[in-house]
Amino acid sequence: MLLENYLSGHDCMDVRENEGGYNYFGFTCSEGTWRILREKLDGTEYRLAIGNKEYTSAFTNRATLTYKLSNELPRL
């Protein structure tokens, strides 16, 4: 499944660029779920972390989250 499908319905809330070789994009939706997209600076790698609560804490700790490929994420 495409990463874009996991971002559908979520709004971009935060962006942090060039942190430890990555760009981070934080997304939330009104139901409380969140997604954090990690992009390798050279554009060769995209991974996603997902959660159901505590977005602010998750985004603060973004570097230590577990990021997965789209085929490793739970089915929508």
N, C-alpha and C. Protein backbone atom coordinates (compact mmCIF):
# COMPACT_ATOMS: atom_id res chain seq x y z
N MET A 1 0.85 -1.18 0.00
CA MET A 1 0.00 0.00 0.00
C MET A 1 0.90 1.24 0.00
N LEU A 2 0.48 2.26 -0.66
CA LEU A 2 1.25 3.49 -0.76
C LEU A 2 1.20 4.28 0.54
N LEU A 3 2.32 4.94 0.86
CA LEU A 3 2.36 5.77 2.06
C LEU A 3 1.30 6.87 2.02
N GLU A 4 0.99 7.36 0.83
CA GLU A 4 -0.01 8.42 0.69
C GLU A 4 -1.36 7.98 1.25
N ASN A 5 -1.68 6.70 1.12
CA ASN A 5 -2.95 6.20 1.65
C ASN A 5 -3.01 6.34 3.17
N TYR A 6 -1.88 6.18 3.83
CA TYR A 6 -1.83 6.30 5.28
C TYR A 6 -1.93 7.76 5.74
N LEU A 7 -1.65 8.69 4.85
CA LEU A 7 -1.72 10.12 5.20
C LEU A 7 -3.07 10.73 4.87
N SER A 8 -3.90 10.01 4.13
CA SER A 8 -5.21 10.53 3.74
C SER A 8 -6.03 10.88 4.97
N GLY A 9 -6.61 12.08 4.97
CA GLY A 9 -7.42 12.54 6.08
C GLY A 9 -6.64 13.19 7.21
N HIS A 10 -5.33 13.22 7.09
CA HIS A 10 -4.47 13.83 8.11
C HIS A 10 -3.90 15.14 7.58
N ASP A 11 -3.80 16.11 8.46
CA ASP A 11 -3.26 17.43 8.09
C ASP A 11 -1.84 17.56 8.61
N CYS A 12 -0.99 18.19 7.81
CA CYS A 12 0.39 18.42 8.22
C CYS A 12 0.43 19.48 9.32
N MET A 13 1.02 19.14 10.44
CA MET A 13 1.08 20.03 11.60
C MET A 13 2.48 20.58 11.86
N ASP A 14 3.50 19.76 11.63
CA ASP A 14 4.87 20.14 11.95
C ASP A 14 5.83 19.63 10.89
N VAL A 15 6.88 20.42 10.67
CA VAL A 15 7.96 20.03 9.76
C VAL A 15 9.28 20.38 10.43
N ARG A 16 10.19 19.41 10.43
CA ARG A 16 11.55 19.67 10.91
C ARG A 16 12.49 19.15 9.83
N GLU A 17 13.36 20.03 9.37
CA GLU A 17 14.26 19.68 8.27
C GLU A 17 15.69 19.50 8.76
N ASN A 18 16.37 18.59 8.07
CA ASN A 18 17.80 18.36 8.24
C ASN A 18 18.17 18.08 9.70
N GLU A 19 17.53 17.08 10.26
CA GLU A 19 17.86 16.61 11.61
C GLU A 19 18.45 15.21 11.52
N GLY A 20 19.73 15.10 11.75
CA GLY A 20 20.36 13.79 11.74
C GLY A 20 20.26 13.07 10.41
N GLY A 21 20.23 13.80 9.33
CA GLY A 21 20.15 13.19 8.00
C GLY A 21 18.73 12.98 7.48
N TYR A 22 17.73 13.48 8.22
CA TYR A 22 16.34 13.27 7.82
C TYR A 22 15.53 14.56 7.91
N ASN A 23 14.44 14.58 7.14
CA ASN A 23 13.37 15.55 7.30
C ASN A 23 12.20 14.81 7.92
N TYR A 24 11.47 15.49 8.81
CA TYR A 24 10.32 14.88 9.49
C TYR A 24 9.08 15.73 9.23
N PHE A 25 7.95 15.04 8.95
CA PHE A 25 6.69 15.70 8.70
C PHE A 25 5.64 15.06 9.61
N GLY A 26 5.03 15.86 10.47
CA GLY A 26 4.03 15.35 11.41
C GLY A 26 2.62 15.65 10.94
N PHE A 27 1.76 14.64 10.94
CA PHE A 27 0.38 14.75 10.48
C PHE A 27 -0.57 14.28 11.58
N THR A 28 -1.71 14.96 11.72
CA THR A 28 -2.74 14.55 12.66
C THR A 28 -4.11 14.62 11.99
N CYS A 29 -5.09 13.97 12.62
CA CYS A 29 -6.47 14.12 12.17
C CYS A 29 -7.34 14.37 13.39
N SER A 30 -8.56 14.79 13.16
CA SER A 30 -9.46 15.18 14.24
C SER A 30 -9.79 14.03 15.19
N GLU A 31 -9.65 12.81 14.76
CA GLU A 31 -9.94 11.66 15.61
C GLU A 31 -8.79 11.33 16.56
N GLY A 32 -7.66 12.05 16.43
CA GLY A 32 -6.54 11.85 17.34
C GLY A 32 -5.42 10.97 16.81
N THR A 33 -5.62 10.34 15.67
CA THR A 33 -4.54 9.53 15.12
C THR A 33 -3.47 10.44 14.53
N TRP A 34 -2.26 9.93 14.46
CA TRP A 34 -1.16 10.72 13.92
C TRP A 34 -0.25 9.84 13.06
N ARG A 35 0.49 10.53 12.23
CA ARG A 35 1.49 9.91 11.36
C ARG A 35 2.72 10.80 11.37
N ILE A 36 3.88 10.22 11.38
CA ILE A 36 5.11 10.99 11.22
C ILE A 36 5.89 10.35 10.09
N LEU A 37 6.11 11.12 9.05
CA LEU A 37 6.83 10.68 7.87
C LEU A 37 8.28 11.12 8.01
N ARG A 38 9.19 10.17 7.82
CA ARG A 38 10.63 10.46 7.86
C ARG A 38 11.19 10.29 6.46
N GLU A 39 11.83 11.34 5.97
CA GLU A 39 12.41 11.34 4.63
C GLU A 39 13.92 11.49 4.75
N LYS A 40 14.67 10.58 4.14
CA LYS A 40 16.12 10.72 4.08
C LYS A 40 16.45 11.93 3.23
N LEU A 41 17.44 12.70 3.64
CA LEU A 41 17.74 13.97 2.96
C LEU A 41 17.98 13.82 1.46
N ASP A 42 18.55 12.70 1.04
CA ASP A 42 18.80 12.54 -0.39
C ASP A 42 17.57 12.03 -1.16
N GLY A 43 16.44 11.86 -0.45
CA GLY A 43 15.20 11.46 -1.10
C GLY A 43 15.12 9.99 -1.47
N THR A 44 16.01 9.16 -0.94
CA THR A 44 16.03 7.74 -1.31
C THR A 44 15.26 6.85 -0.36
N GLU A 45 14.77 7.39 0.73
CA GLU A 45 14.10 6.55 1.73
C GLU A 45 12.97 7.32 2.39
N TYR A 46 11.81 6.67 2.47
CA TYR A 46 10.64 7.23 3.15
C TYR A 46 10.09 6.15 4.08
N ARG A 47 9.88 6.52 5.33
CA ARG A 47 9.34 5.59 6.32
C ARG A 47 8.27 6.31 7.13
N LEU A 48 7.37 5.55 7.74
CA LEU A 48 6.25 6.12 8.46
C LEU A 48 6.11 5.49 9.84
N ALA A 49 5.84 6.34 10.83
CA ALA A 49 5.45 5.89 12.17
C ALA A 49 4.01 6.31 12.37
N ILE A 50 3.20 5.46 13.00
CA ILE A 50 1.79 5.77 13.21
C ILE A 50 1.41 5.58 14.68
N GLY A 51 0.39 6.33 15.11
CA GLY A 51 -0.08 6.20 16.47
C GLY A 51 -1.49 6.71 16.62
N ASN A 52 -2.05 6.49 17.82
CA ASN A 52 -3.45 6.85 18.09
C ASN A 52 -3.62 7.95 19.11
N LYS A 53 -2.58 8.32 19.82
CA LYS A 53 -2.69 9.36 20.84
C LYS A 53 -1.31 9.94 21.12
N GLU A 54 -1.31 11.06 21.83
CA GLU A 54 -0.06 11.69 22.27
C GLU A 54 0.83 12.16 21.12
N TYR A 55 0.23 12.83 20.14
CA TYR A 55 1.01 13.32 18.99
C TYR A 55 2.15 14.22 19.42
N THR A 56 1.90 15.16 20.32
CA THR A 56 2.94 16.12 20.71
C THR A 56 4.16 15.40 21.26
N SER A 57 3.95 14.44 22.11
CA SER A 57 5.05 13.66 22.67
C SER A 57 5.76 12.86 21.57
N ALA A 58 4.98 12.26 20.69
CA ALA A 58 5.58 11.48 19.60
C ALA A 58 6.44 12.35 18.71
N PHE A 59 5.94 13.54 18.36
CA PHE A 59 6.73 14.38 17.47
C PHE A 59 7.98 14.90 18.18
N THR A 60 7.88 15.18 19.45
CA THR A 60 9.06 15.59 20.21
C THR A 60 10.12 14.50 20.19
N ASN A 61 9.69 13.25 20.26
CA ASN A 61 10.61 12.11 20.30
C ASN A 61 10.74 11.42 18.95
N ARG A 62 10.53 12.14 17.87
CA ARG A 62 10.48 11.59 16.52
C ARG A 62 11.72 10.79 16.13
N ALA A 63 12.89 11.17 16.60
CA ALA A 63 14.11 10.47 16.20
C ALA A 63 14.18 9.06 16.77
N THR A 64 13.43 8.78 17.84
CA THR A 64 13.50 7.46 18.47
C THR A 64 12.31 6.56 18.15
N LEU A 65 11.39 7.03 17.32
CA LEU A 65 10.23 6.22 16.94
C LEU A 65 10.64 5.08 16.01
N THR A 66 9.79 4.09 15.91
CA THR A 66 10.00 3.00 14.97
C THR A 66 9.30 3.34 13.67
N TYR A 67 10.07 3.44 12.61
CA TYR A 67 9.54 3.79 11.29
C TYR A 67 9.53 2.55 10.42
N LYS A 68 8.47 2.43 9.62
CA LYS A 68 8.30 1.24 8.81
C LYS A 68 8.04 1.57 7.34
N LEU A 69 8.37 0.61 6.48
CA LEU A 69 7.97 0.69 5.08
C LEU A 69 6.47 0.48 4.98
N SER A 70 5.88 0.91 3.89
CA SER A 70 4.43 0.78 3.74
C SER A 70 3.97 -0.66 3.81
N ASN A 71 4.75 -1.60 3.31
CA ASN A 71 4.33 -3.00 3.35
C ASN A 71 4.48 -3.63 4.74
N GLU A 72 5.06 -2.90 5.68
CA GLU A 72 5.19 -3.38 7.06
C GLU A 72 4.13 -2.78 7.98
N LEU A 73 3.36 -1.83 7.49
CA LEU A 73 2.35 -1.15 8.30
C LEU A 73 1.07 -1.97 8.37
N PRO A 74 0.25 -1.77 9.41
CA PRO A 74 -1.02 -2.50 9.48
C PRO A 74 -1.94 -2.10 8.32
N ARG A 75 -2.78 -3.03 7.93
CA ARG A 75 -3.72 -2.77 6.84
C ARG A 75 -4.74 -1.72 7.26
N LEU A 76 -5.12 -0.88 6.30
CA LEU A 76 -6.13 0.15 6.57
C LEU A 76 -7.51 -0.42 6.38
